[in-house]
Amino acid sequence: MLRVAIPIDVSAVARTASAAFALATPLRVGDVLREAVHEALGPRAPQDKRDRAVRSTLAGLRDGSFIVEIDGKRYADPDEIVVCSGTATLRFFLRRALRAA
């Protein structure tokens, strides 16, 4: 389980003059996954390692190797939209059963 801080979309609040965007931010699942990879690797990870990890994570989601659960709702497409507030909790699930060793 990973927890990712979700930024407030200040430009959406200003454009729409709606406080709703200050309470919840709509993001693509792929953007949340990018933040999760950065969180998991830490701030001292080399940029090329971060880039490779993001690419392989997005590719795995696209090809159906796993699904991700964000705040209790499951997603299988990085282009889907998720609405988060404050902190998002992510859990990853493989689509196939692991063989016993």
N, C-alpha and C. Protein backbone atom coordinates (compact mmCIF):
# COMPACT_ATOMS: atom_id res chain seq x y z
N MET A 1 0.85 -1.16 0.00
CA MET A 1 0.00 0.00 0.00
C MET A 1 0.90 1.23 0.00
N LEU A 2 0.57 2.17 -0.84
CA LEU A 2 1.31 3.44 -0.95
C LEU A 2 0.35 4.60 -0.70
N ARG A 3 0.85 5.62 -0.07
CA ARG A 3 0.07 6.85 0.11
C ARG A 3 0.77 7.96 -0.66
N VAL A 4 -0.02 8.70 -1.43
CA VAL A 4 0.53 9.76 -2.28
C VAL A 4 -0.21 11.06 -1.97
N ALA A 5 0.55 12.13 -1.77
CA ALA A 5 -0.04 13.45 -1.57
C ALA A 5 -0.60 13.96 -2.89
N ILE A 6 -1.83 14.44 -2.86
CA ILE A 6 -2.50 14.96 -4.05
C ILE A 6 -2.51 16.49 -3.99
N PRO A 7 -1.95 17.14 -5.01
CA PRO A 7 -1.92 18.62 -5.00
C PRO A 7 -3.29 19.21 -5.31
N ILE A 8 -3.52 20.39 -4.81
CA ILE A 8 -4.75 21.12 -5.13
C ILE A 8 -4.56 21.80 -6.47
N ASP A 9 -5.55 21.72 -7.34
CA ASP A 9 -5.48 22.36 -8.65
C ASP A 9 -5.91 23.82 -8.51
N VAL A 10 -4.95 24.67 -8.19
CA VAL A 10 -5.24 26.08 -7.93
C VAL A 10 -5.78 26.77 -9.18
N SER A 11 -5.29 26.41 -10.35
CA SER A 11 -5.78 27.06 -11.58
C SER A 11 -7.24 26.72 -11.83
N ALA A 12 -7.66 25.49 -11.52
CA ALA A 12 -9.07 25.12 -11.69
C ALA A 12 -9.95 25.87 -10.70
N VAL A 13 -9.46 26.08 -9.51
CA VAL A 13 -10.22 26.86 -8.51
C VAL A 13 -10.38 28.29 -9.00
N ALA A 14 -9.31 28.88 -9.53
CA ALA A 14 -9.36 30.26 -10.00
C ALA A 14 -10.24 30.41 -11.24
N ARG A 15 -10.11 29.44 -12.19
CA ARG A 15 -10.88 29.53 -13.44
C ARG A 15 -12.38 29.40 -13.20
N THR A 16 -12.75 28.47 -12.34
CA THR A 16 -14.17 28.17 -12.15
C THR A 16 -14.79 28.92 -10.99
N ALA A 17 -13.94 29.51 -10.14
CA ALA A 17 -14.42 30.18 -8.92
C ALA A 17 -15.24 29.23 -8.07
N SER A 18 -14.84 27.96 -8.09
CA SER A 18 -15.55 26.94 -7.33
C SER A 18 -14.62 26.35 -6.28
N ALA A 19 -15.09 26.31 -5.06
CA ALA A 19 -14.30 25.74 -3.97
C ALA A 19 -14.26 24.21 -4.05
N ALA A 20 -15.09 23.62 -4.90
CA ALA A 20 -15.12 22.16 -5.03
C ALA A 20 -13.76 21.63 -5.48
N PHE A 21 -13.07 22.36 -6.36
CA PHE A 21 -11.76 21.92 -6.84
C PHE A 21 -10.69 22.07 -5.76
N ALA A 22 -10.96 22.86 -4.73
CA ALA A 22 -10.02 22.96 -3.62
C ALA A 22 -10.15 21.75 -2.70
N LEU A 23 -11.31 21.12 -2.72
CA LEU A 23 -11.55 19.97 -1.86
C LEU A 23 -11.19 18.65 -2.52
N ALA A 24 -11.32 18.57 -3.83
CA ALA A 24 -11.03 17.33 -4.56
C ALA A 24 -10.42 17.68 -5.91
N THR A 25 -9.43 16.89 -6.32
CA THR A 25 -8.72 17.16 -7.56
C THR A 25 -8.90 16.00 -8.53
N PRO A 26 -9.42 16.27 -9.73
CA PRO A 26 -9.51 15.20 -10.73
C PRO A 26 -8.15 15.03 -11.42
N LEU A 27 -7.68 13.78 -11.48
CA LEU A 27 -6.39 13.46 -12.10
C LEU A 27 -6.53 12.19 -12.91
N ARG A 28 -5.66 12.04 -13.88
CA ARG A 28 -5.58 10.77 -14.60
C ARG A 28 -4.89 9.75 -13.70
N VAL A 29 -5.31 8.50 -13.83
CA VAL A 29 -4.71 7.41 -13.06
C VAL A 29 -3.21 7.36 -13.32
N GLY A 30 -2.79 7.58 -14.56
CA GLY A 30 -1.38 7.56 -14.90
C GLY A 30 -0.58 8.60 -14.13
N ASP A 31 -1.17 9.78 -13.90
CA ASP A 31 -0.48 10.83 -13.14
C ASP A 31 -0.33 10.43 -11.67
N VAL A 32 -1.35 9.79 -11.11
CA VAL A 32 -1.26 9.32 -9.73
C VAL A 32 -0.19 8.22 -9.63
N LEU A 33 -0.14 7.34 -10.65
CA LEU A 33 0.88 6.29 -10.65
C LEU A 33 2.28 6.88 -10.74
N ARG A 34 2.46 7.92 -11.53
CA ARG A 34 3.77 8.57 -11.62
C ARG A 34 4.21 9.07 -10.24
N GLU A 35 3.29 9.71 -9.54
CA GLU A 35 3.61 10.20 -8.20
C GLU A 35 3.90 9.05 -7.24
N ALA A 36 3.19 7.95 -7.40
CA ALA A 36 3.40 6.79 -6.54
C ALA A 36 4.78 6.18 -6.77
N VAL A 37 5.20 6.12 -8.02
CA VAL A 37 6.53 5.58 -8.33
C VAL A 37 7.60 6.49 -7.73
N HIS A 38 7.43 7.79 -7.86
CA HIS A 38 8.40 8.74 -7.29
C HIS A 38 8.44 8.60 -5.77
N GLU A 39 7.28 8.42 -5.17
CA GLU A 39 7.20 8.24 -3.71
C GLU A 39 7.89 6.95 -3.29
N ALA A 40 7.65 5.88 -4.04
CA ALA A 40 8.22 4.57 -3.69
C ALA A 40 9.74 4.56 -3.85
N LEU A 41 10.26 5.20 -4.89
CA LEU A 41 11.70 5.20 -5.13
C LEU A 41 12.44 6.19 -4.24
N GLY A 42 11.77 7.23 -3.82
CA GLY A 42 12.40 8.21 -2.95
C GLY A 42 13.06 9.33 -3.73
N PRO A 43 13.38 10.42 -3.03
CA PRO A 43 13.91 11.61 -3.70
C PRO A 43 15.34 11.45 -4.22
N ARG A 44 16.07 10.46 -3.74
CA ARG A 44 17.46 10.32 -4.16
C ARG A 44 17.65 9.35 -5.32
N ALA A 45 16.56 8.76 -5.81
CA ALA A 45 16.67 7.83 -6.93
C ALA A 45 17.08 8.58 -8.19
N PRO A 46 17.93 7.98 -9.02
CA PRO A 46 18.33 8.63 -10.27
C PRO A 46 17.13 8.80 -11.21
N GLN A 47 17.16 9.89 -11.96
CA GLN A 47 16.03 10.19 -12.85
C GLN A 47 15.78 9.09 -13.88
N ASP A 48 16.85 8.48 -14.42
CA ASP A 48 16.65 7.42 -15.41
C ASP A 48 15.95 6.21 -14.79
N LYS A 49 16.22 5.92 -13.53
CA LYS A 49 15.53 4.83 -12.85
C LYS A 49 14.06 5.16 -12.65
N ARG A 50 13.78 6.39 -12.29
CA ARG A 50 12.38 6.84 -12.14
C ARG A 50 11.63 6.72 -13.46
N ASP A 51 12.27 7.19 -14.53
CA ASP A 51 11.63 7.13 -15.85
C ASP A 51 11.34 5.70 -16.27
N ARG A 52 12.30 4.79 -16.07
CA ARG A 52 12.10 3.38 -16.42
C ARG A 52 10.98 2.77 -15.59
N ALA A 53 10.95 3.08 -14.30
CA ALA A 53 9.92 2.52 -13.42
C ALA A 53 8.53 3.03 -13.80
N VAL A 54 8.43 4.31 -14.15
CA VAL A 54 7.14 4.87 -14.58
C VAL A 54 6.68 4.19 -15.87
N ARG A 55 7.61 4.07 -16.85
CA ARG A 55 7.25 3.44 -18.13
C ARG A 55 6.78 2.00 -17.93
N SER A 56 7.51 1.23 -17.12
CA SER A 56 7.13 -0.17 -16.94
C SER A 56 5.84 -0.30 -16.14
N THR A 57 5.60 0.59 -15.20
CA THR A 57 4.35 0.56 -14.43
C THR A 57 3.16 0.88 -15.32
N LEU A 58 3.28 1.93 -16.13
CA LEU A 58 2.18 2.28 -17.04
C LEU A 58 1.96 1.19 -18.09
N ALA A 59 3.04 0.60 -18.59
CA ALA A 59 2.92 -0.49 -19.57
C ALA A 59 2.24 -1.71 -18.94
N GLY A 60 2.58 -2.03 -17.71
CA GLY A 60 1.95 -3.16 -17.03
C GLY A 60 0.47 -2.94 -16.81
N LEU A 61 0.08 -1.72 -16.50
CA LEU A 61 -1.34 -1.41 -16.33
C LEU A 61 -2.06 -1.51 -17.66
N ARG A 62 -1.45 -0.96 -18.72
CA ARG A 62 -2.07 -1.00 -20.05
C ARG A 62 -2.23 -2.42 -20.58
N ASP A 63 -1.21 -3.28 -20.36
CA ASP A 63 -1.30 -4.64 -20.92
C ASP A 63 -2.06 -5.61 -20.02
N GLY A 64 -2.55 -5.11 -18.89
CA GLY A 64 -3.40 -5.94 -18.05
C GLY A 64 -2.66 -6.84 -17.08
N SER A 65 -1.37 -6.62 -16.86
CA SER A 65 -0.61 -7.43 -15.91
C SER A 65 -1.13 -7.24 -14.48
N PHE A 66 -1.60 -6.06 -14.18
CA PHE A 66 -2.13 -5.78 -12.85
C PHE A 66 -3.19 -4.70 -12.95
N ILE A 67 -3.90 -4.50 -11.86
CA ILE A 67 -4.82 -3.39 -11.72
C ILE A 67 -4.40 -2.61 -10.47
N VAL A 68 -4.85 -1.40 -10.37
CA VAL A 68 -4.52 -0.58 -9.22
C VAL A 68 -5.82 -0.13 -8.56
N GLU A 69 -5.80 -0.11 -7.24
CA GLU A 69 -6.94 0.38 -6.47
C GLU A 69 -6.53 1.70 -5.85
N ILE A 70 -7.29 2.74 -6.16
CA ILE A 70 -7.01 4.07 -5.62
C ILE A 70 -8.19 4.47 -4.76
N ASP A 71 -7.93 4.63 -3.48
CA ASP A 71 -8.97 4.97 -2.50
C ASP A 71 -10.17 4.03 -2.59
N GLY A 72 -9.89 2.75 -2.79
CA GLY A 72 -10.94 1.74 -2.76
C GLY A 72 -11.61 1.44 -4.09
N LYS A 73 -11.28 2.16 -5.14
CA LYS A 73 -11.88 1.90 -6.46
C LYS A 73 -10.81 1.37 -7.40
N ARG A 74 -11.14 0.33 -8.16
CA ARG A 74 -10.17 -0.32 -9.04
C ARG A 74 -10.13 0.32 -10.42
N TYR A 75 -8.90 0.44 -10.95
CA TYR A 75 -8.67 1.03 -12.27
C TYR A 75 -7.74 0.13 -13.06
N ALA A 76 -8.01 0.02 -14.37
CA ALA A 76 -7.17 -0.80 -15.26
C ALA A 76 -6.65 0.01 -16.44
N ASP A 77 -6.97 1.29 -16.50
CA ASP A 77 -6.57 2.14 -17.63
C ASP A 77 -5.92 3.41 -17.09
N PRO A 78 -4.69 3.72 -17.52
CA PRO A 78 -4.03 4.92 -17.01
C PRO A 78 -4.68 6.23 -17.47
N ASP A 79 -5.59 6.17 -18.43
CA ASP A 79 -6.25 7.38 -18.91
C ASP A 79 -7.57 7.66 -18.20
N GLU A 80 -8.00 6.75 -17.32
CA GLU A 80 -9.22 6.99 -16.55
C GLU A 80 -8.99 8.16 -15.59
N ILE A 81 -10.07 8.78 -15.16
CA ILE A 81 -9.99 9.92 -14.24
C ILE A 81 -10.38 9.47 -12.84
N VAL A 82 -9.58 9.88 -11.89
CA VAL A 82 -9.86 9.60 -10.48
C VAL A 82 -9.93 10.95 -9.77
N VAL A 83 -10.86 11.08 -8.82
CA VAL A 83 -10.98 12.31 -8.06
C VAL A 83 -10.47 12.02 -6.65
N CYS A 84 -9.43 12.75 -6.26
CA CYS A 84 -8.78 12.51 -4.97
C CYS A 84 -8.76 13.79 -4.15
N SER A 85 -8.63 13.60 -2.85
CA SER A 85 -8.56 14.73 -1.95
C SER A 85 -7.47 14.49 -0.92
N GLY A 86 -6.53 15.40 -0.83
CA GLY A 86 -5.50 15.31 0.19
C GLY A 86 -4.46 14.23 -0.07
N THR A 87 -4.80 13.00 0.27
CA THR A 87 -3.89 11.86 0.11
C THR A 87 -4.64 10.72 -0.54
N ALA A 88 -4.00 10.08 -1.52
CA ALA A 88 -4.60 8.91 -2.17
C ALA A 88 -3.87 7.66 -1.68
N THR A 89 -4.62 6.61 -1.43
CA THR A 89 -4.06 5.33 -1.02
C THR A 89 -4.13 4.38 -2.20
N LEU A 90 -2.98 3.83 -2.59
CA LEU A 90 -2.91 2.93 -3.75
C LEU A 90 -2.54 1.53 -3.30
N ARG A 91 -3.20 0.55 -3.93
CA ARG A 91 -2.86 -0.85 -3.76
C ARG A 91 -2.83 -1.48 -5.14
N PHE A 92 -1.87 -2.36 -5.37
CA PHE A 92 -1.69 -3.00 -6.67
C PHE A 92 -2.06 -4.48 -6.55
N PHE A 93 -2.76 -5.00 -7.58
CA PHE A 93 -3.18 -6.39 -7.60
C PHE A 93 -2.79 -7.02 -8.93
N LEU A 94 -2.12 -8.17 -8.87
CA LEU A 94 -1.82 -8.92 -10.09
C LEU A 94 -3.11 -9.54 -10.62
N ARG A 95 -3.22 -9.63 -11.94
CA ARG A 95 -4.40 -10.24 -12.54
C ARG A 95 -4.29 -11.76 -12.61
N ARG A 96 -3.07 -12.28 -12.50
CA ARG A 96 -2.89 -13.74 -12.57
C ARG A 96 -2.39 -14.23 -11.22
N ALA A 97 -2.68 -15.48 -10.93
CA ALA A 97 -2.24 -16.07 -9.68
C ALA A 97 -0.75 -16.37 -9.76
N LEU A 98 -0.05 -16.19 -8.67
CA LEU A 98 1.36 -16.51 -8.62
C LEU A 98 1.51 -18.02 -8.36
N ARG A 99 2.47 -18.62 -9.02
CA ARG A 99 2.72 -20.05 -8.81
C ARG A 99 3.48 -20.23 -7.51
N ALA A 100 3.14 -21.29 -6.78
CA ALA A 100 3.85 -21.60 -5.56
C ALA A 100 5.25 -22.12 -5.89
N ALA A 101 6.23 -21.66 -5.17
CA ALA A 101 7.61 -22.05 -5.46
C ALA A 101 7.94 -23.43 -4.91
